[in-house]
Amino acid sequence: MTETLLSLISILIGIISANLLGYFKKKYSFGLIGNTLIGVFGSILLLKSFGRLGFDPWSIMQNETFHSLLFIINCIVSFLGGALGLIFIKMIYNKMNKKTAK
């Protein structure tokens, strides 16, 4: 596997997690397209933030060997990134659209 393929797999996992959370918890859903976009950006943001700890695609494929434990950690962080991104964006959306009481 190349580093690019690992990055695409990570993004796909983020998309799947955001859509699964939106499907099972309807109050967090923004529809299929919204959940997909949030899953992409949420997984990328969390992976770029914490990937420097050693589970980025280049560390997984270091010296042309595949480190499966680092790949599993990468997948978990990507899954959490998609789901947490959806929750965070929904919290922001609710705060911005709060009705003021008169």
N, C-alpha and C. Protein backbone atom coordinates (compact mmCIF):
# COMPACT_ATOMS: atom_id res chain seq x y z
N MET A 1 0.83 -1.18 0.00
CA MET A 1 0.00 0.00 0.00
C MET A 1 0.87 1.24 0.00
N THR A 2 0.42 2.20 -0.69
CA THR A 2 1.16 3.45 -0.70
C THR A 2 0.56 4.43 0.31
N GLU A 3 1.27 5.50 0.55
CA GLU A 3 0.81 6.49 1.51
C GLU A 3 -0.49 7.15 1.04
N THR A 4 -0.62 7.35 -0.27
CA THR A 4 -1.83 7.97 -0.80
C THR A 4 -3.04 7.09 -0.58
N LEU A 5 -2.87 5.79 -0.80
CA LEU A 5 -3.98 4.87 -0.59
C LEU A 5 -4.37 4.83 0.88
N LEU A 6 -3.42 4.87 1.77
CA LEU A 6 -3.71 4.89 3.20
C LEU A 6 -4.47 6.16 3.57
N SER A 7 -4.11 7.28 2.98
CA SER A 7 -4.82 8.53 3.25
C SER A 7 -6.26 8.46 2.75
N LEU A 8 -6.46 7.88 1.58
CA LEU A 8 -7.82 7.74 1.04
C LEU A 8 -8.66 6.79 1.88
N ILE A 9 -8.07 5.72 2.38
CA ILE A 9 -8.79 4.80 3.25
C ILE A 9 -9.19 5.51 4.54
N SER A 10 -8.31 6.32 5.08
CA SER A 10 -8.62 7.07 6.30
C SER A 10 -9.77 8.04 6.08
N ILE A 11 -9.77 8.72 4.95
CA ILE A 11 -10.86 9.64 4.65
C ILE A 11 -12.17 8.89 4.47
N LEU A 12 -12.12 7.74 3.81
CA LEU A 12 -13.32 6.92 3.63
C LEU A 12 -13.88 6.46 4.97
N ILE A 13 -13.03 6.11 5.89
CA ILE A 13 -13.48 5.71 7.23
C ILE A 13 -14.15 6.88 7.94
N GLY A 14 -13.62 8.09 7.79
CA GLY A 14 -14.25 9.27 8.36
C GLY A 14 -15.62 9.53 7.77
N ILE A 15 -15.77 9.34 6.46
CA ILE A 15 -17.06 9.51 5.80
C ILE A 15 -18.06 8.49 6.33
N ILE A 16 -17.62 7.26 6.45
CA ILE A 16 -18.51 6.20 6.93
C ILE A 16 -18.95 6.47 8.37
N SER A 17 -18.03 6.92 9.22
CA SER A 17 -18.40 7.16 10.62
C SER A 17 -19.39 8.31 10.75
N ALA A 18 -19.20 9.38 9.99
CA ALA A 18 -20.13 10.51 10.06
C ALA A 18 -21.51 10.11 9.55
N ASN A 19 -21.55 9.34 8.48
CA ASN A 19 -22.85 8.91 7.96
C ASN A 19 -23.53 7.90 8.87
N LEU A 20 -22.76 7.03 9.51
CA LEU A 20 -23.36 6.09 10.46
C LEU A 20 -23.92 6.82 11.67
N LEU A 21 -23.18 7.79 12.19
CA LEU A 21 -23.69 8.55 13.32
C LEU A 21 -24.95 9.32 12.93
N GLY A 22 -24.95 9.92 11.75
CA GLY A 22 -26.14 10.64 11.28
C GLY A 22 -27.31 9.72 11.05
N TYR A 23 -27.06 8.49 10.64
CA TYR A 23 -28.14 7.53 10.39
C TYR A 23 -28.75 7.04 11.70
N PHE A 24 -27.91 6.74 12.68
CA PHE A 24 -28.42 6.18 13.93
C PHE A 24 -28.86 7.26 14.92
N LYS A 25 -28.29 8.42 14.86
CA LYS A 25 -28.69 9.55 15.72
C LYS A 25 -29.19 10.66 14.81
N LYS A 26 -30.48 10.68 14.55
CA LYS A 26 -31.05 11.63 13.59
C LYS A 26 -30.86 13.08 14.00
N LYS A 27 -30.71 13.36 15.30
CA LYS A 27 -30.56 14.75 15.71
C LYS A 27 -29.21 15.34 15.29
N TYR A 28 -28.24 14.51 14.90
CA TYR A 28 -26.94 15.00 14.45
C TYR A 28 -26.81 15.01 12.93
N SER A 29 -27.84 14.62 12.22
CA SER A 29 -27.73 14.44 10.78
C SER A 29 -27.87 15.76 10.01
N PHE A 30 -27.07 15.90 8.98
CA PHE A 30 -27.18 17.00 8.03
C PHE A 30 -27.52 16.47 6.63
N GLY A 31 -28.00 15.24 6.55
CA GLY A 31 -28.26 14.62 5.26
C GLY A 31 -27.01 13.91 4.75
N LEU A 32 -27.16 13.17 3.69
CA LEU A 32 -26.05 12.37 3.16
C LEU A 32 -24.88 13.24 2.71
N ILE A 33 -25.16 14.30 1.98
CA ILE A 33 -24.07 15.14 1.46
C ILE A 33 -23.40 15.92 2.60
N GLY A 34 -24.19 16.47 3.50
CA GLY A 34 -23.62 17.21 4.62
C GLY A 34 -22.78 16.33 5.52
N ASN A 35 -23.29 15.13 5.84
CA ASN A 35 -22.54 14.20 6.67
C ASN A 35 -21.24 13.77 5.99
N THR A 36 -21.30 13.58 4.68
CA THR A 36 -20.11 13.18 3.93
C THR A 36 -19.04 14.27 3.98
N LEU A 37 -19.44 15.51 3.74
CA LEU A 37 -18.47 16.61 3.78
C LEU A 37 -17.88 16.79 5.18
N ILE A 38 -18.72 16.71 6.18
CA ILE A 38 -18.24 16.85 7.55
C ILE A 38 -17.32 15.68 7.91
N GLY A 39 -17.64 14.47 7.44
CA GLY A 39 -16.79 13.31 7.70
C GLY A 39 -15.41 13.46 7.08
N VAL A 40 -15.36 14.01 5.88
CA VAL A 40 -14.07 14.23 5.21
C VAL A 40 -13.22 15.21 6.01
N PHE A 41 -13.80 16.36 6.30
CA PHE A 41 -13.01 17.40 6.97
C PHE A 41 -12.73 17.06 8.43
N GLY A 42 -13.65 16.38 9.09
CA GLY A 42 -13.41 15.98 10.48
C GLY A 42 -12.29 14.97 10.59
N SER A 43 -12.29 13.98 9.71
CA SER A 43 -11.23 12.97 9.77
C SER A 43 -9.87 13.57 9.39
N ILE A 44 -9.85 14.44 8.39
CA ILE A 44 -8.59 15.06 8.00
C ILE A 44 -8.06 15.95 9.13
N LEU A 45 -8.95 16.73 9.75
CA LEU A 45 -8.52 17.62 10.81
C LEU A 45 -7.93 16.85 11.99
N LEU A 46 -8.61 15.80 12.43
CA LEU A 46 -8.10 15.05 13.57
C LEU A 46 -6.83 14.27 13.21
N LEU A 47 -6.77 13.72 12.00
CA LEU A 47 -5.56 13.00 11.59
C LEU A 47 -4.36 13.94 11.46
N LYS A 48 -4.59 15.13 10.90
CA LYS A 48 -3.47 16.07 10.78
C LYS A 48 -3.05 16.60 12.14
N SER A 49 -4.01 16.74 13.06
CA SER A 49 -3.67 17.25 14.39
C SER A 49 -2.87 16.25 15.21
N PHE A 50 -3.31 14.99 15.18
CA PHE A 50 -2.67 13.98 16.01
C PHE A 50 -1.76 13.03 15.24
N GLY A 51 -1.71 13.15 13.93
CA GLY A 51 -0.87 12.28 13.12
C GLY A 51 0.62 12.46 13.36
N ARG A 52 0.98 13.60 13.90
CA ARG A 52 2.39 13.86 14.20
C ARG A 52 2.91 12.99 15.33
N LEU A 53 2.00 12.31 16.02
CA LEU A 53 2.42 11.42 17.10
C LEU A 53 2.99 10.10 16.57
N GLY A 54 2.88 9.87 15.26
CA GLY A 54 3.53 8.71 14.69
C GLY A 54 2.63 7.73 13.99
N PHE A 55 1.39 8.08 13.70
CA PHE A 55 0.54 7.15 12.97
C PHE A 55 0.02 7.77 11.68
N ASP A 56 0.81 8.64 11.07
CA ASP A 56 0.47 9.18 9.76
C ASP A 56 0.84 8.14 8.70
N PRO A 57 0.37 8.29 7.47
CA PRO A 57 0.63 7.27 6.43
C PRO A 57 2.11 7.03 6.16
N TRP A 58 2.95 8.04 6.33
CA TRP A 58 4.38 7.86 6.06
C TRP A 58 5.05 7.03 7.15
N SER A 59 4.55 7.15 8.38
CA SER A 59 5.08 6.31 9.46
C SER A 59 4.58 4.87 9.34
N ILE A 60 3.36 4.71 8.84
CA ILE A 60 2.81 3.36 8.66
C ILE A 60 3.60 2.59 7.61
N MET A 61 4.04 3.27 6.57
CA MET A 61 4.78 2.62 5.48
C MET A 61 6.27 2.91 5.54
N GLN A 62 6.81 3.11 6.71
CA GLN A 62 8.22 3.45 6.86
C GLN A 62 9.11 2.29 6.41
N ASN A 63 10.12 2.59 5.62
CA ASN A 63 11.09 1.61 5.11
C ASN A 63 10.42 0.49 4.33
N GLU A 64 9.36 0.83 3.61
CA GLU A 64 8.65 -0.13 2.76
C GLU A 64 8.06 -1.32 3.54
N THR A 65 7.82 -1.15 4.83
CA THR A 65 7.16 -2.18 5.63
C THR A 65 5.85 -1.60 6.15
N PHE A 66 4.88 -2.46 6.29
CA PHE A 66 3.54 -2.06 6.74
C PHE A 66 3.42 -2.31 8.23
N HIS A 67 3.18 -1.26 9.00
CA HIS A 67 3.00 -1.37 10.44
C HIS A 67 1.51 -1.41 10.74
N SER A 68 1.00 -2.60 11.03
CA SER A 68 -0.44 -2.76 11.17
C SER A 68 -1.01 -2.08 12.41
N LEU A 69 -0.26 -2.04 13.51
CA LEU A 69 -0.76 -1.38 14.72
C LEU A 69 -0.94 0.12 14.48
N LEU A 70 0.00 0.74 13.80
CA LEU A 70 -0.14 2.16 13.47
C LEU A 70 -1.32 2.40 12.54
N PHE A 71 -1.57 1.46 11.63
CA PHE A 71 -2.71 1.59 10.72
C PHE A 71 -4.03 1.48 11.49
N ILE A 72 -4.10 0.59 12.47
CA ILE A 72 -5.31 0.45 13.27
C ILE A 72 -5.56 1.73 14.07
N ILE A 73 -4.52 2.30 14.64
CA ILE A 73 -4.66 3.57 15.37
C ILE A 73 -5.11 4.67 14.42
N ASN A 74 -4.56 4.71 13.23
CA ASN A 74 -4.96 5.68 12.21
C ASN A 74 -6.43 5.53 11.88
N CYS A 75 -6.92 4.31 11.73
CA CYS A 75 -8.33 4.07 11.42
C CYS A 75 -9.24 4.51 12.56
N ILE A 76 -8.84 4.24 13.80
CA ILE A 76 -9.64 4.64 14.96
C ILE A 76 -9.72 6.16 15.06
N VAL A 77 -8.60 6.83 14.88
CA VAL A 77 -8.59 8.30 14.95
C VAL A 77 -9.42 8.89 13.81
N SER A 78 -9.35 8.30 12.64
CA SER A 78 -10.15 8.78 11.52
C SER A 78 -11.64 8.58 11.79
N PHE A 79 -12.01 7.44 12.36
CA PHE A 79 -13.40 7.16 12.71
C PHE A 79 -13.90 8.18 13.73
N LEU A 80 -13.09 8.44 14.75
CA LEU A 80 -13.47 9.42 15.77
C LEU A 80 -13.53 10.83 15.18
N GLY A 81 -12.65 11.14 14.26
CA GLY A 81 -12.65 12.46 13.64
C GLY A 81 -13.93 12.75 12.88
N GLY A 82 -14.41 11.76 12.12
CA GLY A 82 -15.66 11.94 11.39
C GLY A 82 -16.85 12.11 12.32
N ALA A 83 -16.92 11.28 13.36
CA ALA A 83 -18.04 11.34 14.29
C ALA A 83 -17.99 12.61 15.15
N LEU A 84 -16.83 12.94 15.68
CA LEU A 84 -16.71 14.13 16.51
C LEU A 84 -16.88 15.41 15.69
N GLY A 85 -16.46 15.38 14.44
CA GLY A 85 -16.69 16.53 13.57
C GLY A 85 -18.17 16.79 13.36
N LEU A 86 -18.95 15.74 13.18
CA LEU A 86 -20.39 15.88 13.01
C LEU A 86 -21.04 16.43 14.27
N ILE A 87 -20.64 15.93 15.43
CA ILE A 87 -21.19 16.42 16.69
C ILE A 87 -20.81 17.89 16.91
N PHE A 88 -19.57 18.24 16.65
CA PHE A 88 -19.10 19.61 16.84
C PHE A 88 -19.82 20.59 15.92
N ILE A 89 -19.97 20.23 14.65
CA ILE A 89 -20.65 21.11 13.70
C ILE A 89 -22.13 21.26 14.07
N LYS A 90 -22.75 20.19 14.56
CA LYS A 90 -24.15 20.28 14.97
C LYS A 90 -24.30 21.19 16.18
N MET A 91 -23.34 21.14 17.11
CA MET A 91 -23.39 22.05 18.26
C MET A 91 -23.27 23.50 17.81
N ILE A 92 -22.38 23.77 16.88
CA ILE A 92 -22.23 25.13 16.35
C ILE A 92 -23.51 25.56 15.62
N TYR A 93 -24.07 24.66 14.83
CA TYR A 93 -25.29 24.95 14.09
C TYR A 93 -26.44 25.28 15.05
N ASN A 94 -26.58 24.53 16.12
CA ASN A 94 -27.64 24.79 17.09
C ASN A 94 -27.43 26.11 17.81
N LYS A 95 -26.19 26.45 18.14
CA LYS A 95 -25.91 27.73 18.81
C LYS A 95 -26.22 28.91 17.90
N MET A 96 -25.90 28.78 16.61
CA MET A 96 -26.13 29.88 15.69
C MET A 96 -27.60 30.06 15.35
N ASN A 97 -28.38 29.01 15.44
CA ASN A 97 -29.79 29.07 15.07
C ASN A 97 -30.71 29.06 16.28
N LYS A 98 -30.18 29.42 17.43
CA LYS A 98 -31.00 29.45 18.64
C LYS A 98 -31.98 30.60 18.54
N LYS A 99 -33.23 30.29 18.83
CA LYS A 99 -34.27 31.32 18.79
C LYS A 99 -34.21 32.13 20.09
N THR A 100 -34.32 33.41 19.96
CA THR A 100 -34.31 34.26 21.14
C THR A 100 -35.72 34.39 21.69
N ALA A 101 -35.86 34.29 22.99
CA ALA A 101 -37.17 34.41 23.64
C ALA A 101 -37.49 35.89 23.85
N LYS A 102 -38.75 36.24 23.59
CA LYS A 102 -39.17 37.63 23.76
C LYS A 102 -40.03 37.78 24.99
